[in-house]
Amino acid sequence: MKKVCIVGASGKLGKYMVQHALDHGYEVVGVCRERSVVKLDAFKDRITLYSGPTNDPNLIKKAVEGCSGVLTVLVPWGVQQYSSGTAQAVLDNADLDARLIFSCGWHITRDGKDIYSKSFKAMVKIAGWVGRLFRMIEIDDQVEACNRIFASNTRWTVVRGSDLEEGESQGLPVWSRHVGDPMLVSNMTRRIDFAQFMVSALDNDDLIHEAPAIVGCQTESAITNAGKK
């Protein structure tokens, strides 16, 4: 049985990834902050859990040992380089041949060829400003985290998610290399399906060194533009 580590396992996306990974027969190791351990009670007899800051390299080193894959939620909490610290800890300590799958939003761009609407750019700018003002989130550090991933020689994939909603699974999301693709216009993915895409990427070598921007496969734009890639 292959072993995978899920960094950020207690969040909404993380819990879905835990369930998908277990359903796929993986041995699961979870990492989450100490105060969030209770959120994983439903899985406590089925996973190994490490608690503490996910940007702690010593904690991550223990958690990822022997794992063939690491799924990491890049959360820009606070003003403490949390995303970049978490990403760096994973990059430095995962097995050399491990598949590393990271999650972030559409605002991340790998090559500068993504096309964003004025409203989207304004939203990101305002969110970044408000986050810094109240010391809640650090969007620029999430950008830094992804730049470090893009520059690494690991077997990485950065999954860029659209807006998310709850609901029953609609199937594996579709993806494009660049935001601005008509396929992505609907800008909505079920969170459970985002998690499924993350877990499925572990065994998809076509996604190595890709930063897929995803959208729900049953959204209007995905259906309208199916087969046009």
Protein backbone atom coordinates (compact mmCIF):
# COMPACT_ATOMS: atom_id res chain seq x y z
CA MET A 1 0.00 0.00 0.00
CA LYS A 2 1.34 3.43 -0.94
CA LYS A 3 1.56 6.06 1.77
CA VAL A 4 0.62 9.70 1.21
CA CYS A 5 0.83 12.73 3.45
CA ILE A 6 -1.86 15.42 3.46
CA VAL A 7 -0.61 18.75 4.79
CA GLY A 8 -3.57 20.81 5.92
CA ALA A 9 -5.74 17.74 6.45
CA SER A 10 -8.24 19.36 8.82
CA GLY A 11 -9.58 22.00 6.43
CA LYS A 12 -12.63 21.59 4.20
CA LEU A 13 -10.50 20.62 1.19
CA GLY A 14 -8.14 18.57 3.32
CA LYS A 15 -10.88 16.39 4.80
CA TYR A 16 -12.20 15.61 1.34
CA MET A 17 -8.67 14.66 0.26
CA VAL A 18 -8.33 12.36 3.26
CA GLN A 19 -11.54 10.57 2.28
CA HIS A 20 -10.57 10.29 -1.39
CA ALA A 21 -7.12 8.98 -0.49
CA LEU A 22 -8.57 6.35 1.84
CA ASP A 23 -11.09 5.36 -0.83
CA HIS A 24 -8.18 4.87 -3.25
CA GLY A 25 -6.48 2.52 -0.78
CA TYR A 26 -3.68 4.82 0.35
CA GLU A 27 -2.19 4.75 3.81
CA VAL A 28 -2.78 8.32 4.97
CA VAL A 29 -0.68 10.59 7.16
CA GLY A 30 -2.27 13.92 8.07
CA VAL A 31 -0.76 17.18 9.27
CA CYS A 32 -2.76 19.98 10.86
CA ARG A 33 -2.57 22.65 13.52
CA GLU A 34 -3.05 21.40 17.09
CA ARG A 35 -6.33 23.25 17.59
CA SER A 36 -7.79 21.58 14.49
CA VAL A 37 -7.11 17.95 15.43
CA VAL A 38 -10.70 17.50 16.61
CA LYS A 39 -11.92 18.19 13.08
CA LEU A 40 -10.40 14.85 12.02
CA ASP A 41 -12.08 12.72 14.69
CA ALA A 42 -14.05 10.88 12.02
CA PHE A 43 -10.76 9.52 10.64
CA LYS A 44 -8.76 9.11 13.85
CA ASP A 45 -8.68 5.32 13.70
CA ARG A 46 -7.80 5.25 9.99
CA ILE A 47 -4.96 7.76 9.64
CA THR A 48 -1.72 8.74 11.35
CA LEU A 49 -1.85 12.34 12.51
CA TYR A 50 0.87 14.91 13.26
CA SER A 51 -0.20 18.17 14.86
CA GLY A 52 1.58 21.51 14.79
CA PRO A 53 2.35 24.39 12.43
CA THR A 54 2.56 23.11 8.86
CA ASN A 55 5.52 25.44 8.20
CA ASP A 56 7.58 23.61 10.85
CA PRO A 57 10.27 21.73 8.86
CA ASN A 58 10.92 19.26 11.68
CA LEU A 59 7.25 18.32 11.87
CA ILE A 60 6.97 17.99 8.09
CA LYS A 61 10.14 15.88 7.95
CA LYS A 62 8.58 13.34 10.31
CA ALA A 63 5.22 13.36 8.53
CA VAL A 64 6.46 12.89 4.94
CA GLU A 65 9.02 10.17 5.69
CA GLY A 66 8.39 7.19 3.41
CA CYS A 67 5.51 8.87 1.58
CA SER A 68 5.26 8.40 -2.18
CA GLY A 69 3.08 11.49 -2.44
CA VAL A 70 2.44 14.69 -0.52
CA LEU A 71 -0.75 16.74 -0.95
CA THR A 72 -0.37 20.27 0.41
CA VAL A 73 -2.96 23.00 0.92
CA LEU A 74 -1.14 26.33 0.61
CA VAL A 75 -3.02 28.50 3.09
CA PRO A 76 -1.83 32.12 3.44
CA TRP A 77 -2.63 32.43 7.16
CA GLY A 78 -1.39 35.51 9.01
CA VAL A 79 1.69 37.56 8.17
CA GLN A 80 4.32 34.96 8.94
CA GLN A 81 5.34 33.46 5.58
CA TYR A 82 3.09 30.51 6.32
CA SER A 83 2.55 29.39 2.72
CA SER A 84 6.17 29.71 1.62
CA GLY A 85 7.38 28.11 4.84
CA THR A 86 5.03 25.16 4.36
CA ALA A 87 5.99 24.74 0.71
CA GLN A 88 9.70 24.94 1.50
CA ALA A 89 9.40 22.39 4.29
CA VAL A 90 7.73 19.96 1.89
CA LEU A 91 10.23 20.62 -0.92
CA ASP A 92 13.18 20.11 1.44
CA ASN A 93 11.99 17.01 3.24
CA ALA A 94 9.86 14.89 0.89
CA ASP A 95 11.43 11.82 -0.72
CA LEU A 96 13.30 12.74 -3.90
CA ASP A 97 10.94 10.81 -6.18
CA ALA A 98 7.72 11.70 -4.34
CA ARG A 99 4.81 13.28 -6.22
CA LEU A 100 4.14 16.69 -4.70
CA ILE A 101 0.68 18.17 -5.32
CA PHE A 102 -0.07 21.71 -4.09
CA SER A 103 -3.34 23.65 -4.09
CA CYS A 104 -3.86 27.38 -4.58
CA GLY A 105 -6.16 29.79 -6.42
CA TRP A 106 -6.35 31.08 -9.97
CA HIS A 107 -4.40 34.23 -9.00
CA ILE A 108 -1.16 32.24 -9.17
CA THR A 109 0.49 32.40 -12.59
CA ARG A 110 3.44 30.34 -13.71
CA ASP A 111 4.40 32.00 -16.98
CA GLY A 112 2.50 35.29 -17.00
CA LYS A 113 0.23 34.17 -19.84
CA ASP A 114 -2.92 33.98 -17.74
CA ILE A 115 -5.58 36.56 -18.61
CA TYR A 116 -7.56 38.01 -15.71
CA SER A 117 -10.61 40.24 -15.77
CA LYS A 118 -10.41 43.70 -14.19
CA SER A 119 -12.87 42.59 -11.52
CA PHE A 120 -10.77 39.54 -10.64
CA LYS A 121 -7.58 41.60 -10.37
CA ALA A 122 -9.37 44.17 -8.23
CA MET A 123 -10.72 41.44 -5.94
CA VAL A 124 -7.25 39.95 -5.43
CA LYS A 125 -5.77 43.38 -4.76
CA ILE A 126 -8.44 44.26 -2.20
CA ALA A 127 -8.17 40.86 -0.50
CA GLY A 128 -4.41 41.29 -0.23
CA TRP A 129 -4.73 44.81 1.19
CA VAL A 130 -7.40 43.87 3.74
CA GLY A 131 -5.49 40.73 4.69
CA ARG A 132 -2.32 42.69 5.42
CA LEU A 133 -4.21 45.42 7.26
CA PHE A 134 -5.78 42.98 9.70
CA ARG A 135 -2.80 40.57 9.59
CA MET A 136 -5.15 37.75 8.53
CA ILE A 137 -3.80 36.53 5.20
CA GLU A 138 -0.70 37.04 3.10
CA ILE A 139 -1.54 36.51 -0.56
CA ASP A 140 1.90 37.66 -1.75
CA ASP A 141 3.46 34.87 0.29
CA GLN A 142 1.32 32.32 -1.52
CA VAL A 143 2.77 33.70 -4.75
CA GLU A 144 6.26 33.30 -3.28
CA ALA A 145 5.47 29.74 -2.24
CA CYS A 146 4.44 28.81 -5.77
CA ASN A 147 7.47 30.51 -7.31
CA ARG A 148 9.66 28.30 -5.12
CA ILE A 149 7.75 25.23 -6.25
CA PHE A 150 8.03 26.20 -9.93
CA ALA A 151 11.80 26.64 -9.55
CA SER A 152 12.34 23.27 -7.86
CA ASN A 153 13.42 20.06 -9.56
CA THR A 154 10.88 17.96 -7.66
CA ARG A 155 7.97 16.12 -9.28
CA TRP A 156 5.47 18.88 -8.54
CA THR A 157 2.00 19.87 -9.69
CA VAL A 158 0.27 23.09 -8.61
CA VAL A 159 -3.52 22.79 -8.89
CA ARG A 160 -5.17 26.21 -9.25
CA GLY A 161 -8.77 26.19 -8.13
CA SER A 162 -11.72 28.34 -9.20
CA ASP A 163 -14.38 29.53 -6.77
CA LEU A 164 -15.63 26.57 -4.74
CA GLU A 165 -19.02 25.31 -3.65
CA GLU A 166 -20.31 22.40 -1.63
CA GLY A 167 -22.45 19.64 -3.08
CA GLU A 168 -22.34 16.10 -4.37
CA SER A 169 -19.55 15.15 -6.74
CA GLN A 170 -20.02 15.99 -10.41
CA GLY A 171 -16.90 14.13 -11.53
CA LEU A 172 -13.27 14.99 -12.14
CA PRO A 173 -12.82 18.70 -13.03
CA VAL A 174 -11.45 19.75 -16.42
CA TRP A 175 -8.40 21.99 -16.69
CA SER A 176 -6.48 24.44 -18.80
CA ARG A 177 -2.91 25.72 -18.67
CA HIS A 178 -4.08 29.33 -18.55
CA VAL A 179 -6.80 31.36 -16.90
CA GLY A 180 -8.64 33.14 -19.68
CA ASP A 181 -9.49 29.93 -21.51
CA PRO A 182 -13.24 30.01 -22.36
CA MET A 183 -13.52 26.59 -20.72
CA LEU A 184 -12.95 28.21 -17.33
CA VAL A 185 -15.47 31.06 -17.59
CA SER A 186 -18.02 29.49 -15.23
CA ASN A 187 -15.45 29.80 -12.41
CA MET A 188 -16.98 27.16 -10.14
CA THR A 189 -15.89 23.77 -8.86
CA ARG A 190 -17.35 21.49 -6.22
CA ARG A 191 -14.89 21.32 -3.35
CA ILE A 192 -15.21 17.53 -3.23
CA ASP A 193 -14.14 17.40 -6.88
CA PHE A 194 -11.20 19.75 -6.32
CA ALA A 195 -10.02 17.24 -3.73
CA GLN A 196 -10.55 14.39 -6.19
CA PHE A 197 -8.40 16.19 -8.78
CA MET A 198 -5.63 16.60 -6.19
CA VAL A 199 -5.63 12.91 -5.28
CA SER A 200 -5.91 11.72 -8.88
CA ALA A 201 -2.89 13.87 -9.81
CA LEU A 202 -0.71 11.57 -7.70
CA ASP A 203 -0.89 8.96 -10.46
CA ASN A 204 -1.04 11.31 -13.45
CA ASP A 205 2.48 11.88 -14.76
CA ASP A 206 1.09 14.15 -17.50
CA LEU A 207 0.57 16.74 -14.76
CA ILE A 208 4.19 16.78 -13.60
CA HIS A 209 5.49 20.36 -13.85
CA GLU A 210 2.04 21.64 -14.78
CA ALA A 211 -0.11 24.27 -13.04
CA PRO A 212 -3.61 23.27 -14.16
CA ALA A 213 -6.41 25.78 -13.63
CA ILE A 214 -9.53 23.71 -12.99
CA VAL A 215 -13.29 24.12 -13.28
CA GLY A 216 -16.19 21.77 -12.66
CA CYS A 217 -16.79 19.34 -15.51
CA GLN A 218 -20.56 19.95 -15.42
CA THR A 219 -20.37 23.76 -15.54
CA GLU A 220 -21.76 25.52 -18.59
CA SER A 221 -18.37 26.70 -19.86
CA ALA A 222 -16.84 23.23 -19.50
CA ILE A 223 -19.68 21.57 -21.40
CA THR A 224 -19.79 24.26 -24.11
CA ASN A 225 -16.06 24.08 -24.75
CA ALA A 226 -15.58 20.33 -24.38
CA GLY A 227 -13.19 18.97 -26.98
CA LYS A 228 -11.98 22.39 -28.12
CA LYS A 229 -8.59 22.27 -26.35
